[in-house]
């Protein structure tokens, strides 16, 4: 298996109109081909449009607040 750890200070993030994505693991930064993990911060009252991840599982872990999936 190939891949690498990324220090917290080096985690790339994307700001969007509905919140922020901090990319903990994705192929372009860690080399992982099977795990994509992001810490998503939704702005209060916001969300994003329905979308799919074909042939992938998605897990939501809510740290605070409530979400509708």
PDB file of N, CA and C in Angstrom:
ATOM      1  N   UNK A   1       0.843  -1.177   0.000  1.00  0.00           N
ATOM      2  CA  UNK A   1       0.000   0.000   0.000  1.00  0.00           C
ATOM      3  C   UNK A   1       0.885   1.235   0.000  1.00  0.00           C
ATOM      4  N   UNK A   2       0.534   2.192  -0.823  1.00  0.00           N
ATOM      5  CA  UNK A   2       1.259   3.457  -0.839  1.00  0.00           C
ATOM      6  C   UNK A   2       0.359   4.551  -0.296  1.00  0.00           C
ATOM      7  N   UNK A   3       0.947   5.610   0.141  1.00  0.00           N
ATOM      8  CA  UNK A   3       0.201   6.733   0.684  1.00  0.00           C
ATOM      9  C   UNK A   3       1.065   7.470   1.679  1.00  0.00           C
ATOM     10  N   UNK A   4       0.530   8.509   2.252  1.00  0.00           N
ATOM     11  CA  UNK A   4       1.287   9.272   3.238  1.00  0.00           C
ATOM     12  C   UNK A   4       0.329   9.980   4.179  1.00  0.00           C
ATOM     13  N   UNK A   5       0.857  10.367   5.326  1.00  0.00           N
ATOM     14  CA  UNK A   5       0.099  11.170   6.277  1.00  0.00           C
ATOM     15  C   UNK A   5       0.284  12.633   5.921  1.00  0.00           C
ATOM     16  N   UNK A   6      -0.722  13.433   6.198  1.00  0.00           N
ATOM     17  CA  UNK A   6      -0.666  14.873   5.962  1.00  0.00           C
ATOM     18  C   UNK A   6      -0.841  15.563   7.312  1.00  0.00           C
ATOM     19  N   UNK A   7       0.063  16.465   7.651  1.00  0.00           N
ATOM     20  CA  UNK A   7      -0.043  17.205   8.910  1.00  0.00           C
ATOM     21  C   UNK A   7      -1.280  18.091   8.892  1.00  0.00           C
ATOM     22  N   UNK A   8      -1.898  18.288  10.055  1.00  0.00           N
ATOM     23  CA  UNK A   8      -3.122  19.088  10.141  1.00  0.00           C
ATOM     24  C   UNK A   8      -2.944  20.468   9.520  1.00  0.00           C
ATOM     25  N   UNK A   9      -1.792  21.073   9.709  1.00  0.00           N
ATOM     26  CA  UNK A   9      -1.548  22.419   9.165  1.00  0.00           C
ATOM     27  C   UNK A   9      -1.471  22.423   7.643  1.00  0.00           C
ATOM     28  N   UNK A  10      -1.250  21.245   7.039  1.00  0.00           N
ATOM     29  CA  UNK A  10      -1.096  21.150   5.584  1.00  0.00           C
ATOM     30  C   UNK A  10      -2.332  20.611   4.868  1.00  0.00           C
ATOM     31  N   UNK A  11      -3.425  20.416   5.588  1.00  0.00           N
ATOM     32  CA  UNK A  11      -4.649  19.894   4.973  1.00  0.00           C
ATOM     33  C   UNK A  11      -5.243  20.973   4.068  1.00  0.00           C
ATOM     34  N   UNK A  12      -5.394  20.679   2.767  1.00  0.00           N
ATOM     35  CA  UNK A  12      -5.972  21.673   1.855  1.00  0.00           C
ATOM     36  C   UNK A  12      -7.474  21.811   2.087  1.00  0.00           C
ATOM     37  N   UNK A  13      -7.984  23.017   1.900  1.00  0.00           N
ATOM     38  CA  UNK A  13      -9.426  23.217   2.075  1.00  0.00           C
ATOM     39  C   UNK A  13      -9.981  24.056   0.934  1.00  0.00           C
ATOM     40  N   UNK A  14     -11.262  23.881   0.708  1.00  0.00           N
ATOM     41  CA  UNK A  14     -11.990  24.627  -0.316  1.00  0.00           C
ATOM     42  C   UNK A  14     -13.137  25.352   0.364  1.00  0.00           C
ATOM     43  N   UNK A  15     -13.252  26.651   0.129  1.00  0.00           N
ATOM     44  CA  UNK A  15     -14.394  27.429   0.630  1.00  0.00           C
ATOM     45  C   UNK A  15     -15.429  27.513  -0.492  1.00  0.00           C
ATOM     46  N   UNK A  16     -16.662  27.190  -0.124  1.00  0.00           N
ATOM     47  CA  UNK A  16     -17.774  27.222  -1.070  1.00  0.00           C
ATOM     48  C   UNK A  16     -18.862  28.118  -0.503  1.00  0.00           C
ATOM     49  N   UNK A  17     -19.875  28.417  -1.295  1.00  0.00           N
ATOM     50  CA  UNK A  17     -20.919  29.317  -0.801  1.00  0.00           C
ATOM     51  C   UNK A  17     -21.723  28.720   0.350  1.00  0.00           C
ATOM     52  N   UNK A  18     -21.706  27.408   0.537  1.00  0.00           N
ATOM     53  CA  UNK A  18     -22.461  26.763   1.591  1.00  0.00           C
ATOM     54  C   UNK A  18     -21.609  26.334   2.777  1.00  0.00           C
ATOM     55  N   UNK A  19     -20.286  26.476   2.692  1.00  0.00           N
ATOM     56  CA  UNK A  19     -19.432  26.073   3.799  1.00  0.00           C
ATOM     57  C   UNK A  19     -18.007  25.792   3.350  1.00  0.00           C
ATOM     58  N   UNK A  20     -17.342  24.883   4.053  1.00  0.00           N
ATOM     59  CA  UNK A  20     -15.934  24.597   3.782  1.00  0.00           C
ATOM     60  C   UNK A  20     -15.675  23.097   3.801  1.00  0.00           C
ATOM     61  N   UNK A  21     -14.780  22.647   2.921  1.00  0.00           N
ATOM     62  CA  UNK A  21     -14.331  21.257   2.872  1.00  0.00           C
ATOM     63  C   UNK A  21     -12.848  21.235   3.196  1.00  0.00           C
ATOM     64  N   UNK A  22     -12.461  20.502   4.234  1.00  0.00           N
ATOM     65  CA  UNK A  22     -11.054  20.298   4.551  1.00  0.00           C
ATOM     66  C   UNK A  22     -10.726  18.859   4.153  1.00  0.00           C
ATOM     67  N   UNK A  23      -9.866  18.691   3.151  1.00  0.00           N
ATOM     68  CA  UNK A  23      -9.598  17.383   2.551  1.00  0.00           C
ATOM     69  C   UNK A  23      -8.560  16.619   3.361  1.00  0.00           C
ATOM     70  N   UNK A  24      -9.025  15.761   4.273  1.00  0.00           N
ATOM     71  CA  UNK A  24      -8.143  14.983   5.129  1.00  0.00           C
ATOM     72  C   UNK A  24      -7.411  13.920   4.321  1.00  0.00           C
ATOM     73  N   UNK A  25      -8.113  13.274   3.418  1.00  0.00           N
ATOM     74  CA  UNK A  25      -7.495  12.267   2.557  1.00  0.00           C
ATOM     75  C   UNK A  25      -8.173  12.303   1.191  1.00  0.00           C
ATOM     76  N   UNK A  26      -7.370  12.426   0.161  1.00  0.00           N
ATOM     77  CA  UNK A  26      -7.850  12.290  -1.218  1.00  0.00           C
ATOM     78  C   UNK A  26      -6.654  11.901  -2.073  1.00  0.00           C
ATOM     79  N   UNK A  27      -6.909  11.260  -3.199  1.00  0.00           N
ATOM     80  CA  UNK A  27      -5.806  10.740  -4.004  1.00  0.00           C
ATOM     81  C   UNK A  27      -4.718  11.768  -4.330  1.00  0.00           C
ATOM     82  N   UNK A  28      -5.089  12.993  -4.615  1.00  0.00           N
ATOM     83  CA  UNK A  28      -4.082  13.974  -5.034  1.00  0.00           C
ATOM     84  C   UNK A  28      -3.138  14.408  -3.916  1.00  0.00           C
ATOM     85  N   UNK A  29      -3.527  14.218  -2.648  1.00  0.00           N
ATOM     86  CA  UNK A  29      -2.642  14.637  -1.558  1.00  0.00           C
ATOM     87  C   UNK A  29      -2.036  13.481  -0.779  1.00  0.00           C
ATOM     88  N   UNK A  30      -2.772  12.373  -0.639  1.00  0.00           N
ATOM     89  CA  UNK A  30      -2.267  11.256   0.167  1.00  0.00           C
ATOM     90  C   UNK A  30      -1.846  10.053  -0.663  1.00  0.00           C
ATOM     91  N   UNK A  31      -2.265  10.003  -1.910  1.00  0.00           N
ATOM     92  CA  UNK A  31      -1.975   8.839  -2.740  1.00  0.00           C
ATOM     93  C   UNK A  31      -2.962   7.707  -2.548  1.00  0.00           C
ATOM     94  N   UNK A  32      -3.877   7.846  -1.617  1.00  0.00           N
ATOM     95  CA  UNK A  32      -4.874   6.811  -1.378  1.00  0.00           C
ATOM     96  C   UNK A  32      -5.806   6.709  -2.580  1.00  0.00           C
ATOM     97  N   UNK A  33      -6.053   5.484  -3.024  1.00  0.00           N
ATOM     98  CA  UNK A  33      -6.972   5.294  -4.149  1.00  0.00           C
ATOM     99  C   UNK A  33      -8.351   4.877  -3.687  1.00  0.00           C
ATOM    100  N   UNK A  34      -8.499   4.510  -2.394  1.00  0.00           N
ATOM    101  CA  UNK A  34      -9.772   3.973  -1.935  1.00  0.00           C
ATOM    102  C   UNK A  34     -10.433   4.792  -0.828  1.00  0.00           C
ATOM    103  N   UNK A  35      -9.755   5.794  -0.304  1.00  0.00           N
ATOM    104  CA  UNK A  35     -10.347   6.576   0.782  1.00  0.00           C
ATOM    105  C   UNK A  35     -10.306   8.060   0.441  1.00  0.00           C
ATOM    106  N   UNK A  36     -11.460   8.664   0.481  1.00  0.00           N
ATOM    107  CA  UNK A  36     -11.569  10.119   0.404  1.00  0.00           C
ATOM    108  C   UNK A  36     -12.296  10.543   1.664  1.00  0.00           C
ATOM    109  N   UNK A  37     -11.678  11.434   2.417  1.00  0.00           N
ATOM    110  CA  UNK A  37     -12.269  11.882   3.675  1.00  0.00           C
ATOM    111  C   UNK A  37     -12.161  13.394   3.766  1.00  0.00           C
ATOM    112  N   UNK A  38     -13.264  14.029   4.119  1.00  0.00           N
ATOM    113  CA  UNK A  38     -13.282  15.481   4.247  1.00  0.00           C
ATOM    114  C   UNK A  38     -14.029  15.880   5.506  1.00  0.00           C
ATOM    115  N   UNK A  39     -13.526  16.901   6.163  1.00  0.00           N
ATOM    116  CA  UNK A  39     -14.245  17.522   7.261  1.00  0.00           C
ATOM    117  C   UNK A  39     -15.062  18.647   6.641  1.00  0.00           C
ATOM    118  N   UNK A  40     -16.373  18.519   6.704  1.00  0.00           N
ATOM    119  CA  UNK A  40     -17.269  19.481   6.064  1.00  0.00           C
ATOM    120  C   UNK A  40     -17.901  20.360   7.131  1.00  0.00           C
ATOM    121  N   UNK A  41     -17.781  21.658   6.950  1.00  0.00           N
ATOM    122  CA  UNK A  41     -18.422  22.612   7.847  1.00  0.00           C
ATOM    123  C   UNK A  41     -19.496  23.337   7.054  1.00  0.00           C
ATOM    124  N   UNK A  42     -20.751  23.088   7.417  1.00  0.00           N
ATOM    125  CA  UNK A  42     -21.864  23.745   6.735  1.00  0.00           C
ATOM    126  C   UNK A  42     -22.202  25.038   7.467  1.00  0.00           C
ATOM    127  N   UNK A  43     -22.379  26.112   6.721  1.00  0.00           N
ATOM    128  CA  UNK A  43     -22.825  27.371   7.305  1.00  0.00           C
ATOM    129  C   UNK A  43     -24.271  27.188   7.779  1.00  0.00           C
ATOM    130  N   UNK A  44     -24.661  27.792   8.898  1.00  0.00           N
ATOM    131  CA  UNK A  44     -26.031  27.631   9.407  1.00  0.00           C
ATOM    132  C   UNK A  44     -27.075  27.960   8.331  1.00  0.00           C
ATOM    133  N   UNK A  45     -28.032  27.038   8.158  1.00  0.00           N
ATOM    134  CA  UNK A  45     -29.098  27.241   7.192  1.00  0.00           C
ATOM    135  C   UNK A  45     -28.736  26.891   5.761  1.00  0.00           C
ATOM    136  N   UNK A  46     -27.503  26.431   5.524  1.00  0.00           N
ATOM    137  CA  UNK A  46     -27.065  26.111   4.170  1.00  0.00           C
ATOM    138  C   UNK A  46     -26.879  24.617   3.988  1.00  0.00           C
ATOM    139  N   UNK A  47     -26.736  24.210   2.755  1.00  0.00           N
ATOM    140  CA  UNK A  47     -26.478  22.834   2.379  1.00  0.00           C
ATOM    141  C   UNK A  47     -25.977  22.828   0.959  1.00  0.00           C
ATOM    142  N   UNK A  48     -25.996  21.676   0.334  1.00  0.00           N
ATOM    143  CA  UNK A  48     -25.610  21.614  -1.072  1.00  0.00           C
ATOM    144  C   UNK A  48     -26.587  20.742  -1.828  1.00  0.00           C
ATOM    145  N   UNK A  49     -26.565  20.849  -3.138  1.00  0.00           N
ATOM    146  CA  UNK A  49     -27.504  20.127  -3.979  1.00  0.00           C
ATOM    147  C   UNK A  49     -27.281  18.616  -3.900  1.00  0.00           C
ATOM    148  N   UNK A  50     -28.360  17.887  -4.180  1.00  0.00           N
ATOM    149  CA  UNK A  50     -28.276  16.429  -4.236  1.00  0.00           C
ATOM    150  C   UNK A  50     -27.196  16.017  -5.227  1.00  0.00           C
ATOM    151  N   UNK A  51     -26.436  15.012  -4.855  1.00  0.00           N
ATOM    152  CA  UNK A  51     -25.411  14.482  -5.748  1.00  0.00           C
ATOM    153  C   UNK A  51     -25.174  13.019  -5.384  1.00  0.00           C
ATOM    154  N   UNK A  52     -24.453  12.319  -6.234  1.00  0.00           N
ATOM    155  CA  UNK A  52     -24.157  10.902  -6.019  1.00  0.00           C
ATOM    156  C   UNK A  52     -22.657  10.675  -6.039  1.00  0.00           C
ATOM    157  N   UNK A  53     -22.273   9.580  -5.413  1.00  0.00           N
ATOM    158  CA  UNK A  53     -20.906   9.086  -5.484  1.00  0.00           C
ATOM    159  C   UNK A  53     -21.008   7.636  -5.967  1.00  0.00           C
ATOM    160  N   UNK A  54     -21.059   7.420  -7.285  1.00  0.00           N
ATOM    161  CA  UNK A  54     -21.248   6.064  -7.806  1.00  0.00           C
ATOM    162  C   UNK A  54     -20.180   5.095  -7.289  1.00  0.00           C
ATOM    163  N   UNK A  55     -20.642   3.941  -6.866  1.00  0.00           N
ATOM    164  CA  UNK A  55     -19.783   2.861  -6.373  1.00  0.00           C
ATOM    165  C   UNK A  55     -18.919   3.286  -5.191  1.00  0.00           C
ATOM    166  N   UNK A  56     -19.431   4.202  -4.386  1.00  0.00           N
ATOM    167  CA  UNK A  56     -18.740   4.623  -3.166  1.00  0.00           C
ATOM    168  C   UNK A  56     -19.737   4.641  -2.016  1.00  0.00           C
ATOM    169  N   UNK A  57     -19.238   4.407  -0.830  1.00  0.00           N
ATOM    170  CA  UNK A  57     -20.055   4.557   0.368  1.00  0.00           C
ATOM    171  C   UNK A  57     -19.822   5.954   0.920  1.00  0.00           C
ATOM    172  N   UNK A  58     -20.837   6.502   1.560  1.00  0.00           N
ATOM    173  CA  UNK A  58     -20.698   7.808   2.186  1.00  0.00           C
ATOM    174  C   UNK A  58     -21.155   7.689   3.627  1.00  0.00           C
ATOM    175  N   UNK A  59     -20.368   8.223   4.538  1.00  0.00           N
ATOM    176  CA  UNK A  59     -20.699   8.190   5.949  1.00  0.00           C
ATOM    177  C   UNK A  59     -20.697   9.619   6.475  1.00  0.00           C
ATOM    178  N   UNK A  60     -21.733   9.966   7.225  1.00  0.00           N
ATOM    179  CA  UNK A  60     -21.821  11.283   7.844  1.00  0.00           C
ATOM    180  C   UNK A  60     -21.670  11.106   9.351  1.00  0.00           C
ATOM    181  N   UNK A  61     -20.833  11.915   9.941  1.00  0.00           N
ATOM    182  CA  UNK A  61     -20.643  11.920  11.388  1.00  0.00           C
ATOM    183  C   UNK A  61     -20.819  13.363  11.825  1.00  0.00           C
ATOM    184  N   UNK A  62     -21.904  13.658  12.512  1.00  0.00           N
ATOM    185  CA  UNK A  62     -22.243  15.021  12.880  1.00  0.00           C
ATOM    186  C   UNK A  62     -21.620  15.340  14.237  1.00  0.00           C
ATOM    187  N   UNK A  63     -20.741  16.349  14.249  1.00  0.00           N
ATOM    188  CA  UNK A  63     -20.074  16.738  15.482  1.00  0.00           C
ATOM    189  C   UNK A  63     -20.921  17.681  16.328  1.00  0.00           C
ATOM    190  N   UNK A  64     -21.695  18.538  15.682  1.00  0.00           N
ATOM    191  CA  UNK A  64     -22.611  19.417  16.416  1.00  0.00           C
ATOM    192  C   UNK A  64     -23.700  19.894  15.476  1.00  0.00           C
ATOM    193  N   UNK A  65     -24.834  20.289  16.035  1.00  0.00           N
ATOM    194  CA  UNK A  65     -25.953  20.734  15.221  1.00  0.00           C
ATOM    195  C   UNK A  65     -26.749  19.559  14.690  1.00  0.00           C
ATOM    196  N   UNK A  66     -27.584  19.816  13.706  1.00  0.00           N
ATOM    197  CA  UNK A  66     -28.397  18.764  13.087  1.00  0.00           C
ATOM    198  C   UNK A  66     -28.311  18.911  11.583  1.00  0.00           C
ATOM    199  N   UNK A  67     -28.469  17.810  10.876  1.00  0.00           N
ATOM    200  CA  UNK A  67     -28.460  17.817   9.422  1.00  0.00           C
ATOM    201  C   UNK A  67     -29.618  16.955   8.925  1.00  0.00           C
ATOM    202  N   UNK A  68     -30.027  17.205   7.701  1.00  0.00           N
ATOM    203  CA  UNK A  68     -31.020  16.378   7.023  1.00  0.00           C
ATOM    204  C   UNK A  68     -30.346  15.784   5.811  1.00  0.00           C
ATOM    205  N   UNK A  69     -30.378  14.466   5.670  1.00  0.00           N
ATOM    206  CA  UNK A  69     -29.714  13.789   4.563  1.00  0.00           C
ATOM    207  C   UNK A  69     -30.758  13.202   3.662  1.00  0.00           C
TER     208      UNK A  69
END
